[in-house]
Amino acid sequence: MSNKVYYKKPGSDNNRTAGNSAASAKVTATGDPVVSGTAYASPNPPKKEKKYRALNVVIVAMTVILFFMIIGLVASTSPRSNTYYEKSSASDLIRRMNYSGYFRLMESKYENEALGYTADKEPELKVPYAISDYFEAAFCYRGYAGANDPDADKYIKAMDQAKAEMGEYEYIADEINEYIGIK
């Protein structure tokens, strides 16, 4: 493809000449060419290549996908959107601990407390809450003890208090210690 610009001579409709020909160009005092007439586009404009069409399709598709992702993000961050929390019983909490781990137990405990179900109001929740408290204190102790922080002692006291409230599930404290790596 040629990128030449053609010029139209004043008073001529069909006479096309290249911009650097002597018939259509004049030279200024400095030697720069001056062309009289008006410029118009090449009679054979360059065709859009297929790769640009494909690129445009990809850009449009990505824009549509991004639009729906933003809509989903906005919908999922609205307060309590499509989320229903219900009270977890003591047996549910123990089962979650056994199948999902201690972190899920701790999460369920905080969900229950946010709904107003505390160990004071619901005595059956005392043991699962104690296990959750022990795990949380042991996890924090492990972090503070590894950093030789003096605050680690307060977590040992919290662990002892939670272990005393575990009752028949006191053996879980040893499992938690092994899981976290406390000797």
N, C-alpha and C. Protein backbone atom coordinates (compact mmCIF):
# COMPACT_ATOMS: atom_id res chain seq x y z
N MET A 1 0.84 -1.18 0.00
CA MET A 1 0.00 0.00 0.00
C MET A 1 0.88 1.23 0.00
N SER A 2 0.49 2.20 -0.75
CA SER A 2 1.23 3.46 -0.85
C SER A 2 0.59 4.48 0.07
N ASN A 3 1.41 5.20 0.78
CA ASN A 3 0.92 6.23 1.67
C ASN A 3 1.04 7.62 1.04
N LYS A 4 1.05 7.71 -0.27
CA LYS A 4 1.19 8.99 -0.96
C LYS A 4 -0.10 9.78 -0.82
N VAL A 5 0.07 11.06 -0.72
CA VAL A 5 -1.08 11.96 -0.70
C VAL A 5 -1.13 12.62 -2.06
N TYR A 6 -2.26 12.59 -2.67
CA TYR A 6 -2.44 13.18 -3.99
C TYR A 6 -3.08 14.55 -3.85
N TYR A 7 -2.77 15.42 -4.79
CA TYR A 7 -3.29 16.78 -4.75
C TYR A 7 -4.11 17.06 -6.00
N LYS A 8 -5.06 17.88 -5.83
CA LYS A 8 -5.94 18.25 -6.92
C LYS A 8 -5.56 19.65 -7.38
N LYS A 9 -5.30 19.82 -8.65
CA LYS A 9 -4.95 21.13 -9.19
C LYS A 9 -6.20 22.01 -9.19
N PRO A 10 -6.00 23.28 -8.92
CA PRO A 10 -7.16 24.17 -8.99
C PRO A 10 -7.71 24.18 -10.42
N GLY A 11 -9.00 24.06 -10.55
CA GLY A 11 -9.65 24.12 -11.85
C GLY A 11 -9.63 22.80 -12.59
N SER A 12 -9.11 21.70 -11.99
CA SER A 12 -9.04 20.42 -12.68
C SER A 12 -9.75 19.38 -11.85
N ASP A 13 -10.57 18.56 -12.48
CA ASP A 13 -11.31 17.54 -11.73
C ASP A 13 -10.67 16.17 -11.83
N ASN A 14 -10.12 15.79 -12.94
CA ASN A 14 -9.63 14.43 -13.13
C ASN A 14 -8.12 14.32 -13.20
N ASN A 15 -7.40 15.37 -13.09
CA ASN A 15 -5.97 15.33 -13.26
C ASN A 15 -5.30 15.06 -11.92
N ARG A 16 -4.82 13.86 -11.69
CA ARG A 16 -4.17 13.49 -10.43
C ARG A 16 -2.68 13.39 -10.68
N THR A 17 -1.92 14.06 -9.80
CA THR A 17 -0.46 13.96 -9.90
C THR A 17 0.10 13.78 -8.51
N ALA A 18 1.27 13.22 -8.43
CA ALA A 18 1.91 13.01 -7.14
C ALA A 18 2.29 14.36 -6.55
N GLY A 19 2.33 14.43 -5.23
CA GLY A 19 2.60 15.68 -4.54
C GLY A 19 3.97 16.25 -4.82
N ASN A 20 4.91 15.47 -5.32
CA ASN A 20 6.25 15.99 -5.55
C ASN A 20 6.54 16.26 -7.01
N SER A 21 5.52 16.26 -7.87
CA SER A 21 5.78 16.50 -9.30
C SER A 21 5.94 17.98 -9.56
N ALA A 22 6.59 18.30 -10.64
CA ALA A 22 6.87 19.69 -10.98
C ALA A 22 5.60 20.42 -11.37
N ALA A 23 4.61 19.72 -11.89
CA ALA A 23 3.39 20.37 -12.34
C ALA A 23 2.57 20.94 -11.19
N SER A 24 2.66 20.32 -10.00
CA SER A 24 1.82 20.76 -8.91
C SER A 24 2.59 21.36 -7.76
N ALA A 25 3.88 21.43 -7.81
CA ALA A 25 4.65 21.91 -6.69
C ALA A 25 5.43 23.15 -7.06
N LYS A 26 5.59 24.05 -6.09
CA LYS A 26 6.43 25.22 -6.22
C LYS A 26 7.47 25.16 -5.12
N VAL A 27 8.52 25.90 -5.26
CA VAL A 27 9.58 25.90 -4.26
C VAL A 27 9.64 27.30 -3.64
N THR A 28 9.76 27.35 -2.30
CA THR A 28 9.87 28.63 -1.62
C THR A 28 11.31 29.09 -1.66
N ALA A 29 11.56 30.27 -1.09
CA ALA A 29 12.91 30.83 -1.09
C ALA A 29 13.87 29.93 -0.31
N THR A 30 13.40 29.21 0.68
CA THR A 30 14.26 28.33 1.46
C THR A 30 14.45 26.98 0.80
N GLY A 31 13.74 26.70 -0.25
CA GLY A 31 13.90 25.43 -0.95
C GLY A 31 12.85 24.41 -0.58
N ASP A 32 11.91 24.75 0.32
CA ASP A 32 10.86 23.82 0.72
C ASP A 32 9.78 23.79 -0.35
N PRO A 33 9.26 22.61 -0.66
CA PRO A 33 8.22 22.56 -1.68
C PRO A 33 6.89 23.09 -1.15
N VAL A 34 6.19 23.81 -1.96
CA VAL A 34 4.85 24.30 -1.63
C VAL A 34 3.93 23.75 -2.70
N VAL A 35 2.88 23.14 -2.28
CA VAL A 35 1.97 22.51 -3.22
C VAL A 35 0.70 23.34 -3.28
N SER A 36 0.28 23.67 -4.47
CA SER A 36 -0.98 24.39 -4.60
C SER A 36 -2.09 23.39 -4.83
N GLY A 37 -3.25 23.73 -4.39
CA GLY A 37 -4.38 22.84 -4.56
C GLY A 37 -4.81 22.25 -3.23
N THR A 38 -5.80 21.41 -3.23
CA THR A 38 -6.32 20.80 -2.02
C THR A 38 -5.96 19.33 -1.97
N ALA A 39 -5.68 18.84 -0.76
CA ALA A 39 -5.30 17.43 -0.60
C ALA A 39 -6.54 16.57 -0.46
N TYR A 40 -6.47 15.38 -0.95
CA TYR A 40 -7.53 14.41 -0.73
C TYR A 40 -6.89 13.04 -0.52
N ALA A 41 -7.66 12.16 0.02
CA ALA A 41 -7.12 10.84 0.39
C ALA A 41 -6.79 10.03 -0.85
N SER A 42 -5.96 9.05 -0.63
CA SER A 42 -5.55 8.15 -1.69
C SER A 42 -6.79 7.48 -2.28
N PRO A 43 -6.81 7.22 -3.56
CA PRO A 43 -7.97 6.56 -4.15
C PRO A 43 -8.14 5.13 -3.65
N ASN A 44 -7.11 4.53 -3.10
CA ASN A 44 -7.18 3.17 -2.56
C ASN A 44 -6.84 3.22 -1.07
N PRO A 45 -7.81 3.55 -0.23
CA PRO A 45 -7.50 3.63 1.20
C PRO A 45 -7.10 2.26 1.73
N PRO A 46 -6.21 2.22 2.74
CA PRO A 46 -5.79 0.91 3.29
C PRO A 46 -6.96 0.20 3.95
N LYS A 47 -7.05 -1.11 3.75
CA LYS A 47 -8.12 -1.91 4.34
C LYS A 47 -7.76 -2.26 5.78
N LYS A 48 -8.80 -2.34 6.61
CA LYS A 48 -8.56 -2.77 7.98
C LYS A 48 -8.14 -4.22 7.96
N GLU A 49 -7.14 -4.49 8.73
CA GLU A 49 -6.67 -5.87 8.77
C GLU A 49 -7.53 -6.69 9.70
N LYS A 50 -7.56 -8.00 9.49
CA LYS A 50 -8.39 -8.89 10.29
C LYS A 50 -7.99 -8.91 11.74
N LYS A 51 -6.71 -8.70 12.02
CA LYS A 51 -6.28 -8.76 13.42
C LYS A 51 -6.91 -7.63 14.23
N TYR A 52 -7.17 -6.50 13.59
CA TYR A 52 -7.82 -5.40 14.31
C TYR A 52 -9.28 -5.72 14.59
N ARG A 53 -9.93 -6.40 13.68
CA ARG A 53 -11.31 -6.81 13.91
C ARG A 53 -11.38 -7.80 15.07
N ALA A 54 -10.47 -8.74 15.08
CA ALA A 54 -10.43 -9.72 16.18
C ALA A 54 -10.14 -9.02 17.50
N LEU A 55 -9.25 -8.07 17.47
CA LEU A 55 -8.91 -7.32 18.68
C LEU A 55 -10.12 -6.55 19.19
N ASN A 56 -10.89 -5.97 18.29
CA ASN A 56 -12.09 -5.25 18.70
C ASN A 56 -13.10 -6.19 19.32
N VAL A 57 -13.25 -7.39 18.78
CA VAL A 57 -14.16 -8.37 19.35
C VAL A 57 -13.71 -8.76 20.75
N VAL A 58 -12.43 -8.97 20.94
CA VAL A 58 -11.90 -9.33 22.26
C VAL A 58 -12.13 -8.19 23.25
N ILE A 59 -11.92 -6.97 22.84
CA ILE A 59 -12.13 -5.83 23.73
C ILE A 59 -13.59 -5.72 24.14
N VAL A 60 -14.50 -5.89 23.20
CA VAL A 60 -15.93 -5.84 23.52
C VAL A 60 -16.30 -6.97 24.47
N ALA A 61 -15.81 -8.17 24.22
CA ALA A 61 -16.11 -9.30 25.10
C ALA A 61 -15.59 -9.06 26.51
N MET A 62 -14.37 -8.56 26.62
CA MET A 62 -13.81 -8.30 27.94
C MET A 62 -14.58 -7.19 28.66
N THR A 63 -15.06 -6.22 27.94
CA THR A 63 -15.86 -5.15 28.54
C THR A 63 -17.17 -5.71 29.09
N VAL A 64 -17.82 -6.59 28.34
CA VAL A 64 -19.07 -7.20 28.79
C VAL A 64 -18.81 -8.05 30.04
N ILE A 65 -17.75 -8.83 30.03
CA ILE A 65 -17.41 -9.66 31.19
C ILE A 65 -17.12 -8.80 32.40
N LEU A 66 -16.35 -7.75 32.23
CA LEU A 66 -16.04 -6.84 33.33
C LEU A 66 -17.30 -6.19 33.87
N PHE A 67 -18.22 -5.83 32.99
CA PHE A 67 -19.48 -5.23 33.43
C PHE A 67 -20.24 -6.18 34.36
N PHE A 68 -20.36 -7.45 33.96
CA PHE A 68 -21.09 -8.40 34.79
C PHE A 68 -20.34 -8.71 36.09
N MET A 69 -19.01 -8.70 36.05
CA MET A 69 -18.25 -8.92 37.29
C MET A 69 -18.48 -7.77 38.28
N ILE A 70 -18.54 -6.56 37.78
CA ILE A 70 -18.79 -5.41 38.66
C ILE A 70 -20.20 -5.49 39.24
N ILE A 71 -21.16 -5.87 38.44
CA ILE A 71 -22.54 -6.03 38.93
C ILE A 71 -22.57 -7.10 40.02
N GLY A 72 -21.88 -8.21 39.80
CA GLY A 72 -21.84 -9.28 40.82
C GLY A 72 -21.16 -8.84 42.09
N LEU A 73 -20.10 -8.06 41.96
CA LEU A 73 -19.39 -7.56 43.14
C LEU A 73 -20.27 -6.63 43.94
N VAL A 74 -20.97 -5.74 43.28
CA VAL A 74 -21.85 -4.81 43.97
C VAL A 74 -22.98 -5.58 44.66
N ALA A 75 -23.52 -6.56 43.98
CA ALA A 75 -24.62 -7.34 44.56
C ALA A 75 -24.16 -8.17 45.76
N SER A 76 -22.94 -8.67 45.71
CA SER A 76 -22.48 -9.53 46.81
C SER A 76 -22.02 -8.73 48.03
N THR A 77 -21.74 -7.46 47.87
CA THR A 77 -21.28 -6.67 49.01
C THR A 77 -22.39 -5.92 49.70
N SER A 78 -23.60 -6.03 49.20
CA SER A 78 -24.70 -5.36 49.89
C SER A 78 -24.92 -6.05 51.23
N PRO A 79 -25.35 -5.31 52.24
CA PRO A 79 -25.46 -5.90 53.58
C PRO A 79 -26.41 -7.10 53.62
N ARG A 80 -25.85 -8.20 54.06
CA ARG A 80 -26.60 -9.46 54.23
C ARG A 80 -27.34 -9.87 52.98
N SER A 81 -26.75 -9.64 51.83
CA SER A 81 -27.40 -10.03 50.59
C SER A 81 -27.33 -11.54 50.43
N ASN A 82 -28.47 -12.14 50.28
CA ASN A 82 -28.57 -13.58 50.05
C ASN A 82 -27.82 -14.40 51.10
N THR A 83 -27.68 -13.86 52.28
CA THR A 83 -26.99 -14.58 53.34
C THR A 83 -27.95 -14.74 54.51
N TYR A 84 -28.11 -15.96 54.92
CA TYR A 84 -29.01 -16.23 56.02
C TYR A 84 -28.23 -16.97 57.10
N TYR A 85 -28.12 -16.35 58.23
CA TYR A 85 -27.44 -16.99 59.35
C TYR A 85 -28.49 -17.52 60.31
N GLU A 86 -28.23 -18.69 60.80
CA GLU A 86 -29.11 -19.23 61.83
C GLU A 86 -28.24 -19.77 62.96
N LYS A 87 -28.85 -19.91 64.08
CA LYS A 87 -28.12 -20.37 65.26
C LYS A 87 -27.60 -21.79 65.02
N SER A 88 -26.37 -22.00 65.41
CA SER A 88 -25.78 -23.34 65.34
C SER A 88 -25.87 -23.96 66.72
N SER A 89 -26.39 -25.17 66.79
CA SER A 89 -26.49 -25.86 68.07
C SER A 89 -25.12 -26.40 68.47
N ALA A 90 -25.03 -26.88 69.70
CA ALA A 90 -23.76 -27.41 70.20
C ALA A 90 -23.29 -28.59 69.35
N SER A 91 -24.23 -29.47 68.98
CA SER A 91 -23.83 -30.63 68.16
C SER A 91 -23.38 -30.18 66.76
N ASP A 92 -24.03 -29.13 66.21
CA ASP A 92 -23.59 -28.59 64.91
C ASP A 92 -22.18 -28.04 65.01
N LEU A 93 -21.89 -27.35 66.09
CA LEU A 93 -20.57 -26.75 66.27
C LEU A 93 -19.49 -27.84 66.39
N ILE A 94 -19.77 -28.89 67.15
CA ILE A 94 -18.81 -29.98 67.29
C ILE A 94 -18.60 -30.69 65.96
N ARG A 95 -19.70 -30.90 65.22
CA ARG A 95 -19.59 -31.55 63.91
C ARG A 95 -18.77 -30.68 62.95
N ARG A 96 -18.98 -29.37 62.97
CA ARG A 96 -18.19 -28.48 62.11
C ARG A 96 -16.72 -28.54 62.48
N MET A 97 -16.46 -28.66 63.78
CA MET A 97 -15.07 -28.75 64.22
C MET A 97 -14.44 -30.03 63.68
N ASN A 98 -15.18 -31.12 63.74
CA ASN A 98 -14.64 -32.41 63.30
C ASN A 98 -14.44 -32.48 61.80
N TYR A 99 -15.34 -31.90 61.03
CA TYR A 99 -15.28 -32.02 59.58
C TYR A 99 -14.65 -30.83 58.87
N SER A 100 -14.78 -29.64 59.45
CA SER A 100 -14.27 -28.45 58.78
C SER A 100 -13.07 -27.84 59.47
N GLY A 101 -12.80 -28.24 60.68
CA GLY A 101 -11.63 -27.73 61.37
C GLY A 101 -11.98 -26.68 62.42
N TYR A 102 -10.95 -26.29 63.13
CA TYR A 102 -11.12 -25.38 64.26
C TYR A 102 -11.43 -23.96 63.81
N PHE A 103 -10.95 -23.58 62.66
CA PHE A 103 -11.24 -22.22 62.18
C PHE A 103 -12.73 -22.06 61.91
N ARG A 104 -13.35 -23.10 61.34
CA ARG A 104 -14.79 -23.04 61.07
C ARG A 104 -15.58 -23.01 62.37
N LEU A 105 -15.10 -23.70 63.39
CA LEU A 105 -15.74 -23.66 64.70
C LEU A 105 -15.68 -22.25 65.26
N MET A 106 -14.53 -21.63 65.15
CA MET A 106 -14.37 -20.27 65.65
C MET A 106 -15.28 -19.30 64.87
N GLU A 107 -15.37 -19.47 63.59
CA GLU A 107 -16.24 -18.62 62.76
C GLU A 107 -17.70 -18.79 63.17
N SER A 108 -18.13 -20.03 63.38
CA SER A 108 -19.51 -20.30 63.78
C SER A 108 -19.81 -19.70 65.15
N LYS A 109 -18.82 -19.74 66.03
CA LYS A 109 -19.01 -19.15 67.36
C LYS A 109 -19.29 -17.65 67.23
N TYR A 110 -18.51 -16.97 66.41
CA TYR A 110 -18.69 -15.53 66.25
C TYR A 110 -19.99 -15.20 65.52
N GLU A 111 -20.42 -16.06 64.59
CA GLU A 111 -21.72 -15.86 63.93
C GLU A 111 -22.83 -15.98 64.96
N ASN A 112 -22.76 -17.00 65.82
CA ASN A 112 -23.77 -17.16 66.87
C ASN A 112 -23.79 -15.96 67.81
N GLU A 113 -22.63 -15.50 68.22
CA GLU A 113 -22.58 -14.36 69.13
C GLU A 113 -23.13 -13.10 68.47
N ALA A 114 -22.91 -12.94 67.17
CA ALA A 114 -23.46 -11.78 66.46
C ALA A 114 -24.99 -11.85 66.42
N LEU A 115 -25.54 -13.06 66.42
CA LEU A 115 -26.99 -13.23 66.45
C LEU A 115 -27.56 -13.18 67.86
N GLY A 116 -26.70 -13.05 68.86
CA GLY A 116 -27.15 -12.93 70.24
C GLY A 116 -27.16 -14.22 71.03
N TYR A 117 -26.60 -15.29 70.48
CA TYR A 117 -26.56 -16.58 71.19
C TYR A 117 -25.21 -16.72 71.88
N THR A 118 -25.15 -16.32 73.13
CA THR A 118 -23.91 -16.41 73.89
C THR A 118 -23.98 -17.61 74.82
N ALA A 119 -22.84 -17.94 75.40
CA ALA A 119 -22.78 -19.09 76.31
C ALA A 119 -23.58 -18.81 77.59
N ASP A 120 -23.75 -17.54 77.94
CA ASP A 120 -24.54 -17.21 79.12
C ASP A 120 -26.03 -17.49 78.90
N LYS A 121 -26.51 -17.20 77.71
CA LYS A 121 -27.93 -17.42 77.41
C LYS A 121 -28.22 -18.86 77.01
N GLU A 122 -27.26 -19.53 76.41
CA GLU A 122 -27.43 -20.90 75.93
C GLU A 122 -26.37 -21.79 76.57
N PRO A 123 -26.66 -22.43 77.69
CA PRO A 123 -25.65 -23.24 78.39
C PRO A 123 -25.08 -24.39 77.55
N GLU A 124 -25.85 -24.89 76.59
CA GLU A 124 -25.35 -26.00 75.77
C GLU A 124 -24.19 -25.57 74.87
N LEU A 125 -24.05 -24.28 74.65
CA LEU A 125 -22.99 -23.77 73.79
C LEU A 125 -21.68 -23.52 74.54
N LYS A 126 -21.70 -23.73 75.85
CA LYS A 126 -20.52 -23.42 76.66
C LYS A 126 -19.29 -24.23 76.25
N VAL A 127 -19.47 -25.53 76.03
CA VAL A 127 -18.33 -26.40 75.69
C VAL A 127 -17.78 -26.07 74.29
N PRO A 128 -18.61 -25.99 73.25
CA PRO A 128 -18.05 -25.64 71.94
C PRO A 128 -17.38 -24.26 71.93
N TYR A 129 -17.96 -23.32 72.68
CA TYR A 129 -17.34 -21.99 72.77
C TYR A 129 -16.01 -22.07 73.49
N ALA A 130 -15.91 -22.92 74.49
CA ALA A 130 -14.65 -23.09 75.22
C ALA A 130 -13.58 -23.68 74.30
N ILE A 131 -13.97 -24.65 73.46
CA ILE A 131 -13.02 -25.23 72.51
C ILE A 131 -12.55 -24.15 71.53
N SER A 132 -13.49 -23.35 71.06
CA SER A 132 -13.15 -22.27 70.14
C SER A 132 -12.23 -21.25 70.81
N ASP A 133 -12.54 -20.91 72.05
CA ASP A 133 -11.69 -19.96 72.78
C ASP A 133 -10.29 -20.52 73.00
N TYR A 134 -10.22 -21.81 73.30
CA TYR A 134 -8.91 -22.43 73.49
C TYR A 134 -8.10 -22.39 72.20
N PHE A 135 -8.75 -22.73 71.10
CA PHE A 135 -8.04 -22.72 69.82
C PHE A 135 -7.55 -21.30 69.48
N GLU A 136 -8.41 -20.33 69.70
CA GLU A 136 -8.03 -18.94 69.39
C GLU A 136 -6.86 -18.49 70.27
N ALA A 137 -6.92 -18.80 71.56
CA ALA A 137 -5.84 -18.42 72.48
C ALA A 137 -4.54 -19.16 72.13
N ALA A 138 -4.65 -20.45 71.79
CA ALA A 138 -3.45 -21.22 71.43
C ALA A 138 -2.83 -20.70 70.14
N PHE A 139 -3.68 -20.34 69.19
CA PHE A 139 -3.19 -19.80 67.93
C PHE A 139 -2.45 -18.48 68.16
N CYS A 140 -3.04 -17.62 68.98
CA CYS A 140 -2.38 -16.33 69.30
C CYS A 140 -1.11 -16.56 70.11
N TYR A 141 -1.15 -17.52 71.05
CA TYR A 141 0.03 -17.81 71.85
C TYR A 141 1.18 -18.25 70.96
N ARG A 142 0.88 -19.10 70.00
CA ARG A 142 1.92 -19.58 69.09
C ARG A 142 2.58 -18.41 68.34
N GLY A 143 1.79 -17.45 67.94
CA GLY A 143 2.33 -16.29 67.24
C GLY A 143 3.17 -15.41 68.15
N TYR A 144 2.68 -15.15 69.37
CA TYR A 144 3.42 -14.29 70.30
C TYR A 144 4.65 -14.99 70.86
N ALA A 145 4.55 -16.29 71.12
CA ALA A 145 5.69 -17.03 71.67
C ALA A 145 6.81 -17.11 70.63
N GLY A 146 6.46 -17.25 69.36
CA GLY A 146 7.46 -17.31 68.31
C GLY A 146 8.21 -16.00 68.17
N ALA A 147 7.57 -14.90 68.57
CA ALA A 147 8.20 -13.59 68.47
C ALA A 147 8.82 -13.16 69.81
N ASN A 148 8.81 -14.05 70.78
CA ASN A 148 9.32 -13.75 72.13
C ASN A 148 8.69 -12.49 72.71
N ASP A 149 7.38 -12.38 72.55
CA ASP A 149 6.62 -11.22 73.04
C ASP A 149 6.12 -11.52 74.45
N PRO A 150 6.20 -10.55 75.37
CA PRO A 150 5.72 -10.80 76.73
C PRO A 150 4.20 -10.99 76.82
N ASP A 151 3.45 -10.62 75.79
CA ASP A 151 2.00 -10.81 75.81
C ASP A 151 1.61 -12.28 75.69
N ALA A 152 2.53 -13.15 75.39
CA ALA A 152 2.23 -14.58 75.24
C ALA A 152 1.69 -15.16 76.54
N ASP A 153 2.08 -14.61 77.68
CA ASP A 153 1.62 -15.13 78.97
C ASP A 153 0.11 -14.98 79.14
N LYS A 154 -0.45 -13.90 78.64
CA LYS A 154 -1.90 -13.71 78.82
C LYS A 154 -2.67 -14.76 78.02
N TYR A 155 -2.09 -15.25 76.92
CA TYR A 155 -2.77 -16.28 76.14
C TYR A 155 -2.66 -17.65 76.81
N ILE A 156 -1.61 -17.87 77.57
CA ILE A 156 -1.52 -19.12 78.35
C ILE A 156 -2.62 -19.15 79.39
N LYS A 157 -2.87 -18.02 80.05
CA LYS A 157 -3.96 -17.93 81.04
C LYS A 157 -5.31 -18.17 80.37
N ALA A 158 -5.51 -17.59 79.17
CA ALA A 158 -6.78 -17.79 78.45
C ALA A 158 -6.93 -19.26 78.05
N MET A 159 -5.83 -19.90 77.68
CA MET A 159 -5.88 -21.32 77.32
C MET A 159 -6.26 -22.17 78.52
N ASP A 160 -5.68 -21.87 79.69
CA ASP A 160 -6.00 -22.63 80.92
C ASP A 160 -7.46 -22.46 81.30
N GLN A 161 -7.97 -21.22 81.17
CA GLN A 161 -9.37 -20.96 81.53
C GLN A 161 -10.31 -21.70 80.57
N ALA A 162 -10.02 -21.68 79.28
CA ALA A 162 -10.86 -22.36 78.31
C ALA A 162 -10.79 -23.88 78.49
N LYS A 163 -9.61 -24.39 78.84
CA LYS A 163 -9.46 -25.84 79.04
C LYS A 163 -10.29 -26.29 80.23
N ALA A 164 -10.37 -25.46 81.26
CA ALA A 164 -11.18 -25.81 82.43
C ALA A 164 -12.67 -25.87 82.09
N GLU A 165 -13.11 -25.08 81.11
CA GLU A 165 -14.52 -25.05 80.74
C GLU A 165 -14.90 -26.14 79.74
N MET A 166 -13.92 -26.86 79.21
CA MET A 166 -14.20 -27.87 78.19
C MET A 166 -14.89 -29.11 78.74
N GLY A 167 -14.72 -29.39 79.98
CA GLY A 167 -15.36 -30.56 80.57
C GLY A 167 -14.82 -31.85 79.98
N GLU A 168 -15.71 -32.71 79.49
CA GLU A 168 -15.31 -34.02 78.97
C GLU A 168 -14.52 -33.92 77.66
N TYR A 169 -14.51 -32.77 77.04
CA TYR A 169 -13.77 -32.59 75.79
C TYR A 169 -12.38 -32.00 76.02
N GLU A 170 -11.87 -32.14 77.22
CA GLU A 170 -10.56 -31.58 77.57
C GLU A 170 -9.43 -32.20 76.72
N TYR A 171 -9.64 -33.40 76.23
CA TYR A 171 -8.62 -34.05 75.40
C TYR A 171 -8.39 -33.29 74.08
N ILE A 172 -9.38 -32.51 73.67
CA ILE A 172 -9.24 -31.74 72.42
C ILE A 172 -8.14 -30.69 72.55
N ALA A 173 -7.88 -30.23 73.76
CA ALA A 173 -6.81 -29.24 73.97
C ALA A 173 -5.47 -29.82 73.51
N ASP A 174 -5.24 -31.09 73.79
CA ASP A 174 -3.99 -31.72 73.35
C ASP A 174 -3.94 -31.83 71.82
N GLU A 175 -5.10 -32.14 71.21
CA GLU A 175 -5.15 -32.20 69.75
C GLU A 175 -4.87 -30.83 69.13
N ILE A 176 -5.41 -29.78 69.74
CA ILE A 176 -5.19 -28.42 69.24
C ILE A 176 -3.71 -28.05 69.38
N ASN A 177 -3.12 -28.40 70.52
CA ASN A 177 -1.69 -28.11 70.72
C ASN A 177 -0.84 -28.80 69.66
N GLU A 178 -1.19 -30.05 69.36
CA GLU A 178 -0.45 -30.79 68.35
C GLU A 178 -0.68 -30.18 66.97
N TYR A 179 -1.92 -29.78 66.69
CA TYR A 179 -2.27 -29.18 65.40
C TYR A 179 -1.52 -27.88 65.16
N ILE A 180 -1.42 -27.06 66.20
CA ILE A 180 -0.76 -25.76 66.08
C ILE A 180 0.74 -25.89 66.24
N GLY A 181 1.19 -26.87 66.96
CA GLY A 181 2.63 -27.06 67.14
C GLY A 181 3.15 -26.51 68.46
N ILE A 182 2.29 -26.56 69.48
CA ILE A 182 2.70 -26.12 70.82
C ILE A 182 3.13 -27.34 71.60
N LYS A 183 4.28 -27.22 72.25
CA LYS A 183 4.79 -28.36 73.04
C LYS A 183 4.50 -28.18 74.50
